[in-house]
Amino acid sequence: GTAVDLLGGTRTVSAGSVTGAGTLEINGATASFASGVTLSDLDVESGTVSGSPSVGNATLNGGMLTGSGTMTTTGTGTICAPTIDGGYTLTNTGTMSYVRDSCYPYLTNGGHVRNKGTFAITGTSSCCGYIYDDGNTANGFLNDVGGSITLALDANTSVATISTPFTNNGTVTATKGQLSISDGNTTADPNDSG
């Protein structure tokens, strides 16, 4: 489909909305979005994103989300291999899909994922793919109150791994496969199942 492709340079969006049938693609640029900016469709392949945009549909295949901001996704999205750095928070309030096959979201220097919607983990490969970090104890994955993590891999023996400090205040449901929490787990909800 149509797209506005930011291939390089520095771009700042200080107010307003980017809407329409196309996608705003970050492919090597440095893009900063002020709080209150709304984007209907965002695709991050490479480059750097900062600030606090509200995003309808997000494709986060690469690049870096950095700084003290928060990207809030409200529609559907996919996450593969972005770096979330420097205190940045990716907050999902819609439906975010993580296909673990060779995808490695990386949290560093206090990066966070906060799920307040549905975070769906799937996968068909017997290979790798996990959510991991640089060992900084300020990093974290929070499944918030009302949030749901669902696990549906290709086989009961397949494993998806969250290798960053993990706090569960919502629900985690596994219909097929195993979820490995390898860097600490704090849970306050008795409704985990699978």
Protein backbone atom coordinates (compact mmCIF):
# COMPACT_ATOMS: atom_id res chain seq x y z
CA GLY A 1 0.00 0.00 0.00
CA THR A 2 0.93 3.65 0.09
CA ALA A 3 3.49 4.89 2.57
CA VAL A 4 5.45 7.92 3.67
CA ASP A 5 8.94 6.45 4.04
CA LEU A 6 11.44 8.31 6.26
CA LEU A 7 14.81 7.03 5.07
CA GLY A 8 17.14 9.35 6.95
CA GLY A 9 17.62 12.67 8.65
CA THR A 10 15.84 13.99 11.73
CA ARG A 11 12.10 14.54 11.80
CA THR A 12 10.04 16.11 14.59
CA VAL A 13 6.25 15.96 14.81
CA SER A 14 5.20 18.41 17.52
CA ALA A 15 1.40 18.25 17.18
CA GLY A 16 -1.47 16.84 15.20
CA SER A 17 -2.18 13.54 13.50
CA VAL A 18 -0.81 11.44 10.67
CA THR A 19 -3.84 9.65 9.25
CA GLY A 20 -5.14 8.14 6.04
CA ALA A 21 -4.96 4.87 4.16
CA GLY A 22 -1.16 4.71 4.09
CA THR A 23 1.58 3.93 6.60
CA LEU A 24 4.27 6.11 8.13
CA GLU A 25 7.47 4.06 7.80
CA ILE A 26 10.66 4.74 9.74
CA ASN A 27 13.53 3.29 7.68
CA GLY A 28 16.72 4.88 9.01
CA ALA A 29 15.42 8.26 10.13
CA THR A 30 15.43 9.74 13.62
CA ALA A 31 11.81 10.61 14.43
CA SER A 32 10.49 12.36 17.53
CA PHE A 33 6.79 12.60 18.36
CA ALA A 34 5.35 14.95 20.97
CA SER A 35 2.79 13.74 23.49
CA GLY A 36 -0.66 14.00 21.93
CA VAL A 37 0.47 13.15 18.40
CA THR A 38 -1.62 10.34 16.88
CA LEU A 39 -0.53 8.03 14.07
CA SER A 40 -3.01 5.73 12.38
CA ASP A 41 -0.36 3.30 11.05
CA LEU A 42 3.35 3.14 11.96
CA ASP A 43 6.00 0.75 10.65
CA VAL A 44 9.45 0.90 12.29
CA GLU A 45 12.10 -1.04 10.36
CA SER A 46 15.28 0.82 11.34
CA GLY A 47 16.27 4.17 12.77
CA THR A 48 15.25 5.79 16.05
CA VAL A 49 11.90 6.76 17.53
CA SER A 50 11.41 8.92 20.63
CA GLY A 51 8.56 10.78 22.26
CA SER A 52 5.06 9.69 23.18
CA PRO A 53 2.82 9.04 20.17
CA SER A 54 -0.48 7.20 20.22
CA VAL A 55 -0.41 4.62 17.42
CA GLY A 56 -3.38 2.80 15.95
CA ASN A 57 -1.67 -0.06 14.11
CA ALA A 58 2.04 -0.70 14.71
CA THR A 59 4.62 -2.90 13.01
CA LEU A 60 7.82 -2.95 15.07
CA ASN A 61 10.28 -5.02 13.08
CA GLY A 62 13.46 -3.19 14.13
CA GLY A 63 14.92 0.15 15.03
CA MET A 64 15.21 1.69 18.47
CA LEU A 65 12.56 3.21 20.72
CA THR A 66 14.50 5.41 23.10
CA GLY A 67 14.30 8.11 25.75
CA SER A 68 11.79 8.83 28.48
CA GLY A 69 8.70 8.59 26.29
CA THR A 70 5.88 6.07 25.90
CA MET A 71 4.48 4.72 22.65
CA THR A 72 0.90 3.58 23.20
CA THR A 73 -0.55 1.16 20.65
CA THR A 74 -4.35 1.05 20.52
CA GLY A 75 -5.17 -1.17 17.53
CA THR A 76 -3.42 -4.21 16.14
CA GLY A 77 0.31 -4.62 16.01
CA THR A 78 3.27 -6.92 15.60
CA ILE A 79 6.59 -6.86 17.41
CA CYS A 80 9.72 -8.61 16.15
CA ALA A 81 13.09 -7.09 16.89
CA PRO A 82 13.06 -3.51 18.12
CA THR A 83 15.41 -2.29 20.83
CA ILE A 84 13.56 -0.53 23.66
CA ASP A 85 16.12 1.67 25.36
CA GLY A 86 16.83 4.32 27.95
CA GLY A 87 13.64 4.22 30.00
CA TYR A 88 11.32 4.07 26.98
CA THR A 89 8.01 2.22 27.46
CA LEU A 90 6.00 0.41 24.81
CA THR A 91 2.42 0.22 26.11
CA ASN A 92 -0.07 -2.02 24.32
CA THR A 93 -3.77 -1.39 24.90
CA GLY A 94 -4.94 -3.20 21.76
CA THR A 95 -3.77 -6.55 20.37
CA MET A 96 -0.03 -7.06 19.90
CA SER A 97 1.27 -10.20 18.20
CA TYR A 98 4.72 -11.61 18.83
CA VAL A 99 5.73 -14.46 16.50
CA ARG A 100 8.76 -15.83 18.30
CA ASP A 101 10.36 -17.38 15.18
CA SER A 102 13.75 -15.63 15.00
CA CYS A 103 12.39 -12.46 16.59
CA TYR A 104 14.28 -10.86 19.47
CA PRO A 105 12.79 -7.76 21.12
CA TYR A 106 15.61 -6.32 23.24
CA LEU A 107 15.19 -4.22 26.39
CA THR A 108 18.17 -2.16 27.50
CA ASN A 109 19.00 0.64 29.96
CA GLY A 110 15.58 0.58 31.61
CA GLY A 111 13.41 -0.30 28.61
CA HIS A 112 9.88 -1.55 29.32
CA VAL A 113 6.98 -3.38 27.73
CA ARG A 114 3.61 -2.79 29.41
CA ASN A 115 0.64 -4.84 28.28
CA LYS A 116 -2.84 -3.56 29.09
CA GLY A 117 -4.54 -5.33 26.19
CA THR A 118 -3.81 -8.69 24.54
CA PHE A 119 -0.24 -9.82 23.91
CA ALA A 120 -0.45 -12.93 21.72
CA ILE A 121 2.62 -15.17 21.46
CA THR A 122 2.65 -17.60 18.54
CA GLY A 123 5.27 -19.47 16.54
CA THR A 124 5.83 -22.37 14.21
CA SER A 125 9.60 -22.76 14.20
CA SER A 126 11.54 -25.08 16.47
CA CYS A 127 14.23 -22.40 16.42
CA CYS A 128 14.77 -19.49 18.59
CA GLY A 129 13.26 -16.20 19.46
CA TYR A 130 12.79 -14.64 22.85
CA ILE A 131 12.24 -11.33 24.62
CA TYR A 132 15.49 -10.49 26.37
CA ASP A 133 17.52 -7.70 27.92
CA ASP A 134 20.99 -6.43 28.78
CA GLY A 135 20.82 -7.53 32.42
CA ASN A 136 19.81 -4.10 33.73
CA THR A 137 17.39 -4.64 36.63
CA ALA A 138 15.49 -1.50 35.59
CA ASN A 139 14.22 -3.27 32.45
CA GLY A 140 10.91 -5.05 32.65
CA PHE A 141 7.83 -6.63 31.13
CA LEU A 142 4.58 -5.78 32.96
CA ASN A 143 1.35 -7.59 32.19
CA ASP A 144 -0.92 -5.02 33.81
CA VAL A 145 -4.32 -5.34 35.47
CA GLY A 146 -6.75 -6.28 32.69
CA GLY A 147 -3.91 -7.40 30.43
CA SER A 148 -3.87 -10.84 28.84
CA ILE A 149 -0.92 -12.82 27.53
CA THR A 150 -1.93 -15.76 25.35
CA LEU A 151 0.44 -18.51 24.24
CA ALA A 152 -0.39 -20.68 21.21
CA LEU A 153 2.72 -22.27 19.72
CA ASP A 154 2.88 -25.06 17.14
CA ALA A 155 3.51 -27.88 19.64
CA ASN A 156 3.25 -28.54 23.36
CA THR A 157 7.03 -28.98 23.52
CA SER A 158 7.78 -25.58 21.92
CA VAL A 159 9.03 -22.86 24.26
CA ALA A 160 8.71 -19.08 24.20
CA THR A 161 10.96 -17.19 26.61
CA ILE A 162 10.66 -13.88 28.41
CA SER A 163 14.17 -13.24 29.71
CA THR A 164 13.66 -9.92 31.48
CA PRO A 165 12.12 -9.09 34.87
CA PHE A 166 8.43 -10.03 34.51
CA THR A 167 5.47 -8.88 36.61
CA ASN A 168 2.02 -10.32 36.05
CA ASN A 169 -1.02 -8.48 37.37
CA GLY A 170 -3.27 -9.74 34.57
CA THR A 171 -3.77 -13.23 33.14
CA VAL A 172 -1.49 -15.62 31.25
CA THR A 173 -3.13 -18.45 29.30
CA ALA A 174 -1.26 -21.18 27.42
CA THR A 175 -3.31 -23.28 24.96
CA LYS A 176 -0.26 -24.92 23.38
CA GLY A 177 3.43 -24.66 24.18
CA GLN A 178 5.41 -23.48 27.19
CA LEU A 179 6.22 -20.00 28.46
CA SER A 180 9.59 -19.76 30.18
CA ILE A 181 10.23 -16.85 32.53
CA SER A 182 13.98 -16.88 33.02
CA ASP A 183 14.69 -13.63 34.85
CA GLY A 184 12.33 -13.42 37.77
CA ASN A 185 8.54 -13.49 38.01
CA THR A 186 6.24 -11.52 40.25
CA THR A 187 2.57 -12.41 40.00
CA ALA A 188 -0.47 -11.18 41.82
CA ASP A 189 -3.11 -13.02 39.78
CA PRO A 190 -4.25 -16.60 40.47
CA ASN A 191 -5.81 -16.98 37.02
CA ASP A 192 -2.76 -18.11 35.07
CA SER A 193 -3.58 -21.32 33.22
CA GLY A 194 -2.25 -23.77 30.73
